[in-house]
Amino acid sequence: MPTVKFAVPKGSIEEVTFKFLEQAYQTVSGRGRTYRVKLSDPEIDVKILRPQEIPTYVQEGFYDVGITGRDWILEAKADVEVLLDLEIGKVKQVIAVPTSFPYDNLEEMVAHFAKKGRTLRFSSEYLTTTAAYIKATKAYKKAYGDKDPMIITPWLRVGNNKAVEIFLSFGATEAKPPEDVDAIFDITETGTTLTQNNLKIIDTVATSTAVLVANKKALKNAAKREKIADMIALLRGVVEARKKLHVFVNVKKENLDKLLKELPALKRPTISPLSEEGWYGVNTVIDKNEFIRIVPKMRKLAQGLVVLEPRQILPLEEVNLDGYS
């Protein structure tokens, strides 16, 4: 079977990504010494890259699969197949301005700067996404029509509207206003860093999570498609496990039916007679959000409750990627 080339992200979601992979593949070796690490599966070749690069590199076929944020797929306009939302690395894309500014949203800000004839300056790592979002506002269309905001980097200037400028940020974007720019387009988890830098959010643009993406040509390769299907099964098993609890409980025979009526399960609970006459052991997997609801009822009906967090939950139904062949 050919090796599947797998790109994983460096930076802000690196740690949570590798914890996720450790849950799926049991061992991840080589971290901290190289950009090439090894999973316990020798048929997967892993390299660490910046998440900004991964959508384009997967699109171009340098890698068969990769983990990156939805935000970077959109920014790169990458033609890749999104196979699985890993539900980690959740961030919001926002527009933020100094707290002293009077604006409550981007529409107000664009309209005011246009009315005053002032150049509106942004800082962002997301150049194309920022330009598209600003250009889509009613205030921008009214003031500037179809002109493109000017994107400015150390090596490139594109766009024909000098009245709205977007400067490439190389990090610490929240430090740029108000001296260098008027607003930022950035990501945040909690908003704490923005608040600490005297910024306020005036628009929430989108929410992004880390996803597994694939090169479309790789999915047409039968051998690689099979290995990618295995990867999806293992990674999905971690996604599902993080939402569940494995519950073991002992119950008297006379309370068994009452308990089973109250106890949710993925399929059906497993019931086993105990060594003591008239007692049964029940084990099942439940949603985490159900646990608090059922504890009072189990406390009245059963004894010896044991709760574990599962490492993986694999339904083992076949992952069907035949549509990509």
C-alpha atoms as a PDB file:
ATOM      1  CA  MET A   1       0.000   0.000   0.000  1.00  0.00           C
ATOM      2  CA  PRO A   2       1.405   3.476  -0.874  1.00  0.00           C
ATOM      3  CA  THR A   3       2.251   5.847   1.942  1.00  0.00           C
ATOM      4  CA  VAL A   4      -0.293   8.583   2.657  1.00  0.00           C
ATOM      5  CA  LYS A   5       1.347  11.992   3.098  1.00  0.00           C
ATOM      6  CA  PHE A   6      -0.244  13.807   6.041  1.00  0.00           C
ATOM      7  CA  ALA A   7       0.315  17.486   6.938  1.00  0.00           C
ATOM      8  CA  VAL A   8      -0.461  18.585  10.513  1.00  0.00           C
ATOM      9  CA  PRO A   9      -0.457  22.158  11.842  1.00  0.00           C
ATOM     10  CA  LYS A  10       2.237  23.959  13.770  1.00  0.00           C
ATOM     11  CA  GLY A  11       1.428  26.880  16.041  1.00  0.00           C
ATOM     12  CA  SER A  12      -1.658  27.675  18.090  1.00  0.00           C
ATOM     13  CA  ILE A  13      -3.478  24.373  17.476  1.00  0.00           C
ATOM     14  CA  GLU A  14      -0.377  22.169  17.395  1.00  0.00           C
ATOM     15  CA  GLU A  15      -0.682  20.878  20.959  1.00  0.00           C
ATOM     16  CA  VAL A  16      -4.400  20.091  20.792  1.00  0.00           C
ATOM     17  CA  THR A  17      -3.903  18.420  17.390  1.00  0.00           C
ATOM     18  CA  PHE A  18      -1.192  16.094  18.694  1.00  0.00           C
ATOM     19  CA  LYS A  19      -3.264  15.182  21.758  1.00  0.00           C
ATOM     20  CA  PHE A  20      -6.027  14.307  19.319  1.00  0.00           C
ATOM     21  CA  LEU A  21      -3.675  12.163  17.207  1.00  0.00           C
ATOM     22  CA  GLU A  22      -2.365  10.395  20.315  1.00  0.00           C
ATOM     23  CA  GLN A  23      -5.932   9.421  21.171  1.00  0.00           C
ATOM     24  CA  ALA A  24      -6.425   8.075  17.662  1.00  0.00           C
ATOM     25  CA  TYR A  25      -3.055   6.417  16.999  1.00  0.00           C
ATOM     26  CA  GLN A  26      -1.839   5.583  20.543  1.00  0.00           C
ATOM     27  CA  THR A  27       1.727   6.834  19.940  1.00  0.00           C
ATOM     28  CA  VAL A  28       3.221   9.903  18.274  1.00  0.00           C
ATOM     29  CA  SER A  29       7.026  10.015  18.326  1.00  0.00           C
ATOM     30  CA  GLY A  30       9.664  12.540  17.296  1.00  0.00           C
ATOM     31  CA  ARG A  31       7.982  15.743  18.408  1.00  0.00           C
ATOM     32  CA  GLY A  32      10.231  18.596  19.454  1.00  0.00           C
ATOM     33  CA  ARG A  33      13.249  17.436  17.484  1.00  0.00           C
ATOM     34  CA  THR A  34      12.060  17.617  13.902  1.00  0.00           C
ATOM     35  CA  TYR A  35       9.250  18.706  11.618  1.00  0.00           C
ATOM     36  CA  ARG A  36       8.761  15.048  10.724  1.00  0.00           C
ATOM     37  CA  VAL A  37       7.024  12.879  13.304  1.00  0.00           C
ATOM     38  CA  LYS A  38       5.850   9.277  13.272  1.00  0.00           C
ATOM     39  CA  LEU A  39       2.509   7.749  14.105  1.00  0.00           C
ATOM     40  CA  SER A  40       2.138   4.125  15.125  1.00  0.00           C
ATOM     41  CA  ASP A  41       0.872   3.505  11.567  1.00  0.00           C
ATOM     42  CA  PRO A  42       3.947   3.186   9.292  1.00  0.00           C
ATOM     43  CA  GLU A  43       1.840   3.783   6.181  1.00  0.00           C
ATOM     44  CA  ILE A  44       1.261   7.437   7.118  1.00  0.00           C
ATOM     45  CA  ASP A  45       4.073   9.938   6.577  1.00  0.00           C
ATOM     46  CA  VAL A  46       3.576  13.014   8.792  1.00  0.00           C
ATOM     47  CA  LYS A  47       5.071  16.486   8.467  1.00  0.00           C
ATOM     48  CA  ILE A  48       4.404  19.608  10.544  1.00  0.00           C
ATOM     49  CA  LEU A  49       3.598  22.769   8.586  1.00  0.00           C
ATOM     50  CA  ARG A  50       2.007  26.116   9.301  1.00  0.00           C
ATOM     51  CA  PRO A  51      -1.795  25.801   9.008  1.00  0.00           C
ATOM     52  CA  GLN A  52      -1.839  28.706   6.520  1.00  0.00           C
ATOM     53  CA  GLU A  53       0.144  26.581   4.058  1.00  0.00           C
ATOM     54  CA  ILE A  54      -1.689  23.290   4.421  1.00  0.00           C
ATOM     55  CA  PRO A  55      -4.805  23.986   2.268  1.00  0.00           C
ATOM     56  CA  THR A  56      -2.705  25.024  -0.729  1.00  0.00           C
ATOM     57  CA  TYR A  57      -0.170  22.221  -0.322  1.00  0.00           C
ATOM     58  CA  VAL A  58      -2.961  19.628  -0.096  1.00  0.00           C
ATOM     59  CA  GLN A  59      -4.705  21.151  -3.111  1.00  0.00           C
ATOM     60  CA  GLU A  60      -1.493  20.947  -5.136  1.00  0.00           C
ATOM     61  CA  GLY A  61      -0.921  17.313  -4.157  1.00  0.00           C
ATOM     62  CA  PHE A  62       2.220  17.797  -2.061  1.00  0.00           C
ATOM     63  CA  TYR A  63       0.186  16.071   0.680  1.00  0.00           C
ATOM     64  CA  ASP A  64      -2.730  13.660   0.417  1.00  0.00           C
ATOM     65  CA  VAL A  65      -4.458  14.803   3.601  1.00  0.00           C
ATOM     66  CA  GLY A  66      -4.002  17.536   6.174  1.00  0.00           C
ATOM     67  CA  ILE A  67      -5.432  19.156   9.258  1.00  0.00           C
ATOM     68  CA  THR A  68      -6.053  22.885   9.065  1.00  0.00           C
ATOM     69  CA  GLY A  69      -8.638  25.483  10.020  1.00  0.00           C
ATOM     70  CA  ARG A  70     -11.703  26.235   7.929  1.00  0.00           C
ATOM     71  CA  ASP A  71     -10.548  29.856   8.078  1.00  0.00           C
ATOM     72  CA  TRP A  72      -7.358  29.066   6.156  1.00  0.00           C
ATOM     73  CA  ILE A  73      -9.217  27.024   3.533  1.00  0.00           C
ATOM     74  CA  LEU A  74     -11.410  30.047   2.870  1.00  0.00           C
ATOM     75  CA  GLU A  75      -8.448  32.436   2.867  1.00  0.00           C
ATOM     76  CA  ALA A  76      -6.516  30.284   0.381  1.00  0.00           C
ATOM     77  CA  LYS A  77      -9.631  29.574  -1.714  1.00  0.00           C
ATOM     78  CA  ALA A  78      -8.307  26.035  -1.719  1.00  0.00           C
ATOM     79  CA  ASP A  79      -9.989  23.366  -3.814  1.00  0.00           C
ATOM     80  CA  VAL A  80      -9.804  20.534  -1.273  1.00  0.00           C
ATOM     81  CA  GLU A  81     -12.270  18.006   0.068  1.00  0.00           C
ATOM     82  CA  VAL A  82     -13.323  18.549   3.701  1.00  0.00           C
ATOM     83  CA  LEU A  83     -13.744  15.044   5.130  1.00  0.00           C
ATOM     84  CA  LEU A  84     -14.272  15.532   8.864  1.00  0.00           C
ATOM     85  CA  ASP A  85     -14.754  18.336  11.375  1.00  0.00           C
ATOM     86  CA  LEU A  86     -12.448  17.475  14.289  1.00  0.00           C
ATOM     87  CA  GLU A  87     -14.293  19.943  16.579  1.00  0.00           C
ATOM     88  CA  ILE A  88     -11.047  21.291  18.019  1.00  0.00           C
ATOM     89  CA  GLY A  89      -9.259  24.628  17.614  1.00  0.00           C
ATOM     90  CA  LYS A  90     -12.538  26.555  17.646  1.00  0.00           C
ATOM     91  CA  VAL A  91     -12.029  30.279  17.057  1.00  0.00           C
ATOM     92  CA  LYS A  92     -14.063  33.245  15.907  1.00  0.00           C
ATOM     93  CA  GLN A  93     -13.003  35.576  13.126  1.00  0.00           C
ATOM     94  CA  VAL A  94     -13.783  39.098  14.259  1.00  0.00           C
ATOM     95  CA  ILE A  95     -13.279  42.741  13.414  1.00  0.00           C
ATOM     96  CA  ALA A  96     -12.069  44.752  16.392  1.00  0.00           C
ATOM     97  CA  VAL A  97     -11.362  48.447  16.943  1.00  0.00           C
ATOM     98  CA  PRO A  98     -10.081  50.555  19.852  1.00  0.00           C
ATOM     99  CA  THR A  99     -12.628  50.821  22.656  1.00  0.00           C
ATOM    100  CA  SER A 100     -12.534  54.618  22.292  1.00  0.00           C
ATOM    101  CA  PHE A 101     -14.025  54.394  18.783  1.00  0.00           C
ATOM    102  CA  PRO A 102     -17.776  55.123  18.647  1.00  0.00           C
ATOM    103  CA  TYR A 103     -18.678  52.432  16.097  1.00  0.00           C
ATOM    104  CA  ASP A 104     -20.906  49.472  16.903  1.00  0.00           C
ATOM    105  CA  ASN A 105     -20.379  47.657  13.595  1.00  0.00           C
ATOM    106  CA  LEU A 106     -18.289  47.755  10.435  1.00  0.00           C
ATOM    107  CA  GLU A 107     -21.052  49.394   8.380  1.00  0.00           C
ATOM    108  CA  GLU A 108     -20.951  52.446  10.634  1.00  0.00           C
ATOM    109  CA  MET A 109     -17.174  52.630  10.505  1.00  0.00           C
ATOM    110  CA  VAL A 110     -16.903  52.347   6.730  1.00  0.00           C
ATOM    111  CA  ALA A 111     -19.643  54.937   6.214  1.00  0.00           C
ATOM    112  CA  HIS A 112     -18.062  57.427   8.630  1.00  0.00           C
ATOM    113  CA  PHE A 113     -14.548  57.166   7.163  1.00  0.00           C
ATOM    114  CA  ALA A 114     -15.930  57.498   3.628  1.00  0.00           C
ATOM    115  CA  LYS A 115     -17.990  60.555   4.586  1.00  0.00           C
ATOM    116  CA  LYS A 116     -14.934  62.224   6.151  1.00  0.00           C
ATOM    117  CA  GLY A 117     -12.700  61.269   3.211  1.00  0.00           C
ATOM    118  CA  ARG A 118     -10.316  59.456   5.548  1.00  0.00           C
ATOM    119  CA  THR A 119      -8.357  56.334   4.612  1.00  0.00           C
ATOM    120  CA  LEU A 120      -9.542  53.319   6.586  1.00  0.00           C
ATOM    121  CA  ARG A 121      -6.689  50.976   7.488  1.00  0.00           C
ATOM    122  CA  PHE A 122      -6.873  47.353   8.617  1.00  0.00           C
ATOM    123  CA  SER A 123      -4.280  44.847   9.787  1.00  0.00           C
ATOM    124  CA  SER A 124      -4.815  41.117   9.250  1.00  0.00           C
ATOM    125  CA  GLU A 125      -3.247  37.793   8.358  1.00  0.00           C
ATOM    126  CA  TYR A 126      -6.417  37.060   6.370  1.00  0.00           C
ATOM    127  CA  LEU A 127      -5.960  39.388   3.412  1.00  0.00           C
ATOM    128  CA  THR A 128      -8.456  37.998   0.909  1.00  0.00           C
ATOM    129  CA  THR A 129     -11.085  37.199   3.544  1.00  0.00           C
ATOM    130  CA  THR A 130     -10.814  40.695   5.019  1.00  0.00           C
ATOM    131  CA  ALA A 131     -11.068  42.355   1.606  1.00  0.00           C
ATOM    132  CA  ALA A 132     -14.105  40.275   0.628  1.00  0.00           C
ATOM    133  CA  TYR A 133     -15.909  40.961   3.913  1.00  0.00           C
ATOM    134  CA  ILE A 134     -15.336  44.713   3.788  1.00  0.00           C
ATOM    135  CA  LYS A 135     -16.277  44.935   0.104  1.00  0.00           C
ATOM    136  CA  ALA A 136     -19.576  43.136   0.797  1.00  0.00           C
ATOM    137  CA  THR A 137     -20.849  45.831   3.215  1.00  0.00           C
ATOM    138  CA  LYS A 138     -23.587  48.164   1.989  1.00  0.00           C
ATOM    139  CA  ALA A 139     -21.599  51.197   3.113  1.00  0.00           C
ATOM    140  CA  TYR A 140     -18.583  50.150   1.058  1.00  0.00           C
ATOM    141  CA  LYS A 141     -20.653  49.498  -2.075  1.00  0.00           C
ATOM    142  CA  LYS A 142     -22.357  52.867  -1.699  1.00  0.00           C
ATOM    143  CA  ALA A 143     -19.076  54.756  -1.274  1.00  0.00           C
ATOM    144  CA  TYR A 144     -16.739  52.828  -3.564  1.00  0.00           C
ATOM    145  CA  GLY A 145     -18.794  50.612  -5.864  1.00  0.00           C
ATOM    146  CA  ASP A 146     -16.912  47.601  -7.215  1.00  0.00           C
ATOM    147  CA  LYS A 147     -13.421  48.844  -6.407  1.00  0.00           C
ATOM    148  CA  ASP A 148     -11.240  46.376  -4.515  1.00  0.00           C
ATOM    149  CA  PRO A 149      -9.682  47.412  -1.190  1.00  0.00           C
ATOM    150  CA  MET A 150      -5.927  47.803  -1.509  1.00  0.00           C
ATOM    151  CA  ILE A 151      -3.983  44.881  -0.025  1.00  0.00           C
ATOM    152  CA  ILE A 152      -0.476  45.868   1.043  1.00  0.00           C
ATOM    153  CA  THR A 153       2.390  43.491   1.803  1.00  0.00           C
ATOM    154  CA  PRO A 154       6.155  44.111   1.803  1.00  0.00           C
ATOM    155  CA  TRP A 155       6.378  42.612  -1.699  1.00  0.00           C
ATOM    156  CA  LEU A 156       2.966  43.219  -3.281  1.00  0.00           C
ATOM    157  CA  ARG A 157       0.171  45.756  -3.634  1.00  0.00           C
ATOM    158  CA  VAL A 158      -3.131  44.733  -5.220  1.00  0.00           C
ATOM    159  CA  GLY A 159      -6.496  46.468  -5.382  1.00  0.00           C
ATOM    160  CA  ASN A 160      -7.517  49.855  -6.738  1.00  0.00           C
ATOM    161  CA  ASN A 161      -9.131  51.557  -3.736  1.00  0.00           C
ATOM    162  CA  LYS A 162      -6.566  53.462  -1.692  1.00  0.00           C
ATOM    163  CA  ALA A 163      -9.326  54.697   0.600  1.00  0.00           C
ATOM    164  CA  VAL A 164      -9.440  51.265   2.282  1.00  0.00           C
ATOM    165  CA  GLU A 165      -6.104  49.583   2.913  1.00  0.00           C
ATOM    166  CA  ILE A 166      -5.416  46.137   4.369  1.00  0.00           C
ATOM    167  CA  PHE A 167      -1.899  45.545   5.691  1.00  0.00           C
ATOM    168  CA  LEU A 168      -0.475  42.061   6.082  1.00  0.00           C
ATOM    169  CA  SER A 169       0.156  41.259   9.738  1.00  0.00           C
ATOM    170  CA  PHE A 170       2.989  38.938  10.725  1.00  0.00           C
ATOM    171  CA  GLY A 171       1.543  38.400  14.198  1.00  0.00           C
ATOM    172  CA  ALA A 172       0.593  40.408  17.286  1.00  0.00           C
ATOM    173  CA  THR A 173      -2.191  41.909  15.196  1.00  0.00           C
ATOM    174  CA  GLU A 174      -3.943  43.188  18.312  1.00  0.00           C
ATOM    175  CA  ALA A 175      -0.999  45.520  18.999  1.00  0.00           C
ATOM    176  CA  LYS A 176      -1.390  47.503  15.748  1.00  0.00           C
ATOM    177  CA  PRO A 177      -4.306  49.893  16.584  1.00  0.00           C
ATOM    178  CA  PRO A 178      -4.646  52.767  16.970  1.00  0.00           C
ATOM    179  CA  GLU A 179      -1.214  54.080  15.913  1.00  0.00           C
ATOM    180  CA  ASP A 180      -0.699  51.914  12.804  1.00  0.00           C
ATOM    181  CA  VAL A 181      -4.208  50.937  11.728  1.00  0.00           C
ATOM    182  CA  ASP A 182      -7.801  51.711  12.638  1.00  0.00           C
ATOM    183  CA  ALA A 183      -9.109  48.145  12.887  1.00  0.00           C
ATOM    184  CA  ILE A 184      -8.032  44.524  12.805  1.00  0.00           C
ATOM    185  CA  PHE A 185      -9.488  41.368  11.305  1.00  0.00           C
ATOM    186  CA  ASP A 186      -8.274  38.573  13.574  1.00  0.00           C
ATOM    187  CA  ILE A 187      -9.198  35.362  15.341  1.00  0.00           C
ATOM    188  CA  THR A 188     -10.048  34.972  19.014  1.00  0.00           C
ATOM    189  CA  GLU A 189     -11.141  32.203  21.362  1.00  0.00           C
ATOM    190  CA  THR A 190     -12.417  34.211  24.329  1.00  0.00           C
ATOM    191  CA  GLY A 191     -11.755  37.854  23.423  1.00  0.00           C
ATOM    192  CA  THR A 192      -9.497  38.287  26.466  1.00  0.00           C
ATOM    193  CA  THR A 193      -6.407  39.329  24.502  1.00  0.00           C
ATOM    194  CA  LEU A 194      -8.427  41.910  22.592  1.00  0.00           C
ATOM    195  CA  THR A 195      -9.804  43.368  25.809  1.00  0.00           C
ATOM    196  CA  GLN A 196      -6.324  43.514  27.346  1.00  0.00           C
ATOM    197  CA  ASN A 197      -5.218  45.577  24.349  1.00  0.00           C
ATOM    198  CA  ASN A 198      -8.136  48.005  24.686  1.00  0.00           C
ATOM    199  CA  LEU A 199     -10.001  46.635  21.694  1.00  0.00           C
ATOM    200  CA  LYS A 200     -13.666  45.771  21.251  1.00  0.00           C
ATOM    201  CA  ILE A 201     -15.338  43.454  18.752  1.00  0.00           C
ATOM    202  CA  ILE A 202     -17.694  45.227  16.366  1.00  0.00           C
ATOM    203  CA  ASP A 203     -18.372  42.334  13.959  1.00  0.00           C
ATOM    204  CA  THR A 204     -18.159  38.552  14.267  1.00  0.00           C
ATOM    205  CA  VAL A 205     -17.440  37.281  10.785  1.00  0.00           C
ATOM    206  CA  ALA A 206     -17.342  33.481  11.113  1.00  0.00           C
ATOM    207  CA  THR A 207     -16.503  30.549  13.353  1.00  0.00           C
ATOM    208  CA  SER A 208     -13.710  28.174  12.423  1.00  0.00           C
ATOM    209  CA  THR A 209     -12.651  24.725  13.621  1.00  0.00           C
ATOM    210  CA  ALA A 210      -9.895  22.335  12.607  1.00  0.00           C
ATOM    211  CA  VAL A 211     -10.893  19.923   9.843  1.00  0.00           C
ATOM    212  CA  LEU A 212      -9.400  16.983   7.997  1.00  0.00           C
ATOM    213  CA  VAL A 213      -9.007  17.796   4.304  1.00  0.00           C
ATOM    214  CA  ALA A 214      -7.904  15.706   1.354  1.00  0.00           C
ATOM    215  CA  ASN A 215      -6.460  16.181  -2.093  1.00  0.00           C
ATOM    216  CA  LYS A 216      -9.160  15.301  -4.623  1.00  0.00           C
ATOM    217  CA  LYS A 217      -6.813  13.258  -6.819  1.00  0.00           C
ATOM    218  CA  ALA A 218      -5.625  11.243  -3.808  1.00  0.00           C
ATOM    219  CA  LEU A 219      -9.234  10.223  -3.169  1.00  0.00           C
ATOM    220  CA  LYS A 220      -9.369   8.762  -6.668  1.00  0.00           C
ATOM    221  CA  ASN A 221      -6.444   6.442  -5.877  1.00  0.00           C
ATOM    222  CA  ALA A 222      -8.062   3.228  -4.599  1.00  0.00           C
ATOM    223  CA  ALA A 223      -5.234   2.275  -2.203  1.00  0.00           C
ATOM    224  CA  LYS A 224      -4.888   5.762  -0.734  1.00  0.00           C
ATOM    225  CA  ARG A 225      -8.660   6.078  -0.463  1.00  0.00           C
ATOM    226  CA  GLU A 226      -8.752   2.952   1.707  1.00  0.00           C
ATOM    227  CA  LYS A 227      -6.050   4.279   4.040  1.00  0.00           C
ATOM    228  CA  ILE A 228      -7.782   7.672   4.239  1.00  0.00           C
ATOM    229  CA  ALA A 229     -11.029   5.892   5.133  1.00  0.00           C
ATOM    230  CA  ASP A 230      -9.168   4.174   7.998  1.00  0.00           C
ATOM    231  CA  MET A 231      -7.884   7.577   9.133  1.00  0.00           C
ATOM    232  CA  ILE A 232     -11.387   9.014   9.122  1.00  0.00           C
ATOM    233  CA  ALA A 233     -12.692   6.092  11.200  1.00  0.00           C
ATOM    234  CA  LEU A 234      -9.990   6.548  13.856  1.00  0.00           C
ATOM    235  CA  LEU A 235     -10.269  10.327  14.001  1.00  0.00           C
ATOM    236  CA  ARG A 236     -14.056  10.234  14.077  1.00  0.00           C
ATOM    237  CA  GLY A 237     -13.757   7.773  16.945  1.00  0.00           C
ATOM    238  CA  VAL A 238     -11.970  10.458  18.974  1.00  0.00           C
ATOM    239  CA  VAL A 239     -14.544  13.112  18.049  1.00  0.00           C
ATOM    240  CA  GLU A 240     -17.348  10.853  19.251  1.00  0.00           C
ATOM    241  CA  ALA A 241     -15.500   9.711  22.386  1.00  0.00           C
ATOM    242  CA  ARG A 242     -15.090  13.289  23.595  1.00  0.00           C
ATOM    243  CA  LYS A 243     -18.870  13.624  23.697  1.00  0.00           C
ATOM    244  CA  LYS A 244     -19.526  10.386  25.600  1.00  0.00           C
ATOM    245  CA  LEU A 245     -19.080   8.685  28.961  1.00  0.00           C
ATOM    246  CA  HIS A 246     -18.773   4.952  29.653  1.00  0.00           C
ATOM    247  CA  VAL A 247     -20.933   4.066  32.652  1.00  0.00           C
ATOM    248  CA  PHE A 248     -20.800   0.902  34.798  1.00  0.00           C
ATOM    249  CA  VAL A 249     -23.414   0.389  37.494  1.00  0.00           C
ATOM    250  CA  ASN A 250     -24.694  -2.451  39.727  1.00  0.00           C
ATOM    251  CA  VAL A 251     -28.421  -2.902  40.243  1.00  0.00           C
ATOM    252  CA  LYS A 252     -30.772  -5.260  42.084  1.00  0.00           C
ATOM    253  CA  LYS A 253     -32.970  -7.459  39.916  1.00  0.00           C
ATOM    254  CA  GLU A 254     -36.167  -5.721  41.056  1.00  0.00           C
ATOM    255  CA  ASN A 255     -34.826  -2.319  39.944  1.00  0.00           C
ATOM    256  CA  LEU A 256     -33.304  -3.477  36.651  1.00  0.00           C
ATOM    257  CA  ASP A 257     -36.235  -2.648  34.354  1.00  0.00           C
ATOM    258  CA  LYS A 258     -36.737   0.767  35.954  1.00  0.00           C
ATOM    259  CA  LEU A 259     -33.048   1.564  35.496  1.00  0.00           C
ATOM    260  CA  LEU A 260     -33.026   0.457  31.860  1.00  0.00           C
ATOM    261  CA  LYS A 261     -35.943   2.759  31.086  1.00  0.00           C
ATOM    262  CA  GLU A 262     -33.973   5.709  32.441  1.00  0.00           C
ATOM    263  CA  LEU A 263     -30.589   4.792  30.993  1.00  0.00           C
ATOM    264  CA  PRO A 264     -29.758   6.061  27.485  1.00  0.00           C
ATOM    265  CA  ALA A 265     -27.339   4.049  25.360  1.00  0.00           C
ATOM    266  CA  LEU A 266     -25.584   4.115  22.000  1.00  0.00           C
ATOM    267  CA  LYS A 267     -27.225   0.790  21.081  1.00  0.00           C
ATOM    268  CA  ARG A 268     -28.487  -1.291  24.014  1.00  0.00           C
ATOM    269  CA  PRO A 269     -26.860  -1.584  27.467  1.00  0.00           C
ATOM    270  CA  THR A 270     -24.830  -4.698  28.235  1.00  0.00           C
ATOM    271  CA  ILE A 271     -26.323  -6.609  31.184  1.00  0.00           C
ATOM    272  CA  SER A 272     -24.371  -9.265  33.097  1.00  0.00           C
ATOM    273  CA  PRO A 273     -25.359 -11.268  36.209  1.00  0.00           C
ATOM    274  CA  LEU A 274     -23.056 -10.682  39.189  1.00  0.00           C
ATOM    275  CA  SER A 275     -21.677 -13.373  41.454  1.00  0.00           C
ATOM    276  CA  GLU A 276     -24.179 -12.355  44.123  1.00  0.00           C
ATOM    277  CA  GLU A 277     -27.678 -13.718  43.492  1.00  0.00           C
ATOM    278  CA  GLY A 278     -30.222 -11.074  42.444  1.00  0.00           C
ATOM    279  CA  TRP A 279     -27.689  -8.472  41.241  1.00  0.00           C
ATOM    280  CA  TYR A 280     -26.731  -7.370  37.751  1.00  0.00           C
ATOM    281  CA  GLY A 281     -24.014  -5.253  36.240  1.00  0.00           C
ATOM    282  CA  VAL A 282     -25.035  -2.790  33.553  1.00  0.00           C
ATOM    283  CA  ASN A 283     -22.621  -0.954  31.312  1.00  0.00           C
ATOM    284  CA  THR A 284     -23.399   1.505  28.557  1.00  0.00           C
ATOM    285  CA  VAL A 285     -22.160   4.583  26.724  1.00  0.00           C
ATOM    286  CA  ILE A 286     -24.102   7.815  27.150  1.00  0.00           C
ATOM    287  CA  ASP A 287     -23.881  11.430  26.022  1.00  0.00           C
ATOM    288  CA  LYS A 288     -22.020  13.619  28.519  1.00  0.00           C
ATOM    289  CA  ASN A 289     -24.907  16.058  28.629  1.00  0.00           C
ATOM    290  CA  GLU A 290     -27.209  13.239  29.806  1.00  0.00           C
ATOM    291  CA  PHE A 291     -25.061  12.348  32.821  1.00  0.00           C
ATOM    292  CA  ILE A 292     -26.244  15.020  35.262  1.00  0.00           C
ATOM    293  CA  ARG A 293     -29.860  14.271  34.412  1.00  0.00           C
ATOM    294  CA  ILE A 294     -29.622  10.546  35.179  1.00  0.00           C
ATOM    295  CA  VAL A 295     -27.400  10.640  38.300  1.00  0.00           C
ATOM    296  CA  PRO A 296     -30.304  11.303  40.752  1.00  0.00           C
ATOM    297  CA  LYS A 297     -32.306   8.419  39.268  1.00  0.00           C
ATOM    298  CA  MET A 298     -29.355   6.001  39.322  1.00  0.00           C
ATOM    299  CA  ARG A 299     -28.598   6.987  42.917  1.00  0.00           C
ATOM    300  CA  LYS A 300     -32.066   5.784  43.925  1.00  0.00           C
ATOM    301  CA  LEU A 301     -32.084   2.632  41.839  1.00  0.00           C
ATOM    302  CA  ALA A 302     -28.500   1.354  41.738  1.00  0.00           C
ATOM    303  CA  GLN A 303     -25.130   1.104  43.471  1.00  0.00           C
ATOM    304  CA  GLY A 304     -21.450   1.209  42.591  1.00  0.00           C
ATOM    305  CA  LEU A 305     -21.490   3.726  39.771  1.00  0.00           C
ATOM    306  CA  VAL A 306     -18.207   3.885  37.819  1.00  0.00           C
ATOM    307  CA  VAL A 307     -17.730   6.513  35.089  1.00  0.00           C
ATOM    308  CA  LEU A 308     -14.924   6.456  32.505  1.00  0.00           C
ATOM    309  CA  GLU A 309     -14.057   8.734  29.613  1.00  0.00           C
ATOM    310  CA  PRO A 310     -13.616   6.517  26.521  1.00  0.00           C
ATOM    311  CA  ARG A 311     -10.510   6.968  24.398  1.00  0.00           C
ATOM    312  CA  GLN A 312     -12.304   6.195  21.150  1.00  0.00           C
ATOM    313  CA  ILE A 313     -15.739   5.097  20.011  1.00  0.00           C
ATOM    314  CA  LEU A 314     -15.598   3.343  16.660  1.00  0.00           C
ATOM    315  CA  PRO A 315     -18.970   2.304  15.196  1.00  0.00           C
ATOM    316  CA  LEU A 316     -16.932   0.395  12.559  1.00  0.00           C
ATOM    317  CA  GLU A 317     -19.507   1.057   9.865  1.00  0.00           C
ATOM    318  CA  GLU A 318     -17.558   1.339   6.627  1.00  0.00           C
ATOM    319  CA  VAL A 319     -16.495   4.862   5.727  1.00  0.00           C
ATOM    320  CA  ASN A 320     -17.719   5.229   2.159  1.00  0.00           C
ATOM    321  CA  LEU A 321     -15.413   7.263  -0.061  1.00  0.00           C
ATOM    322  CA  ASP A 322     -16.453   5.504  -3.264  1.00  0.00           C
ATOM    323  CA  GLY A 323     -18.039   8.697  -4.516  1.00  0.00           C
ATOM    324  CA  TYR A 324     -14.539  10.107  -5.026  1.00  0.00           C
ATOM    325  CA  SER A 325     -13.300   7.245  -7.202  1.00  0.00           C
END
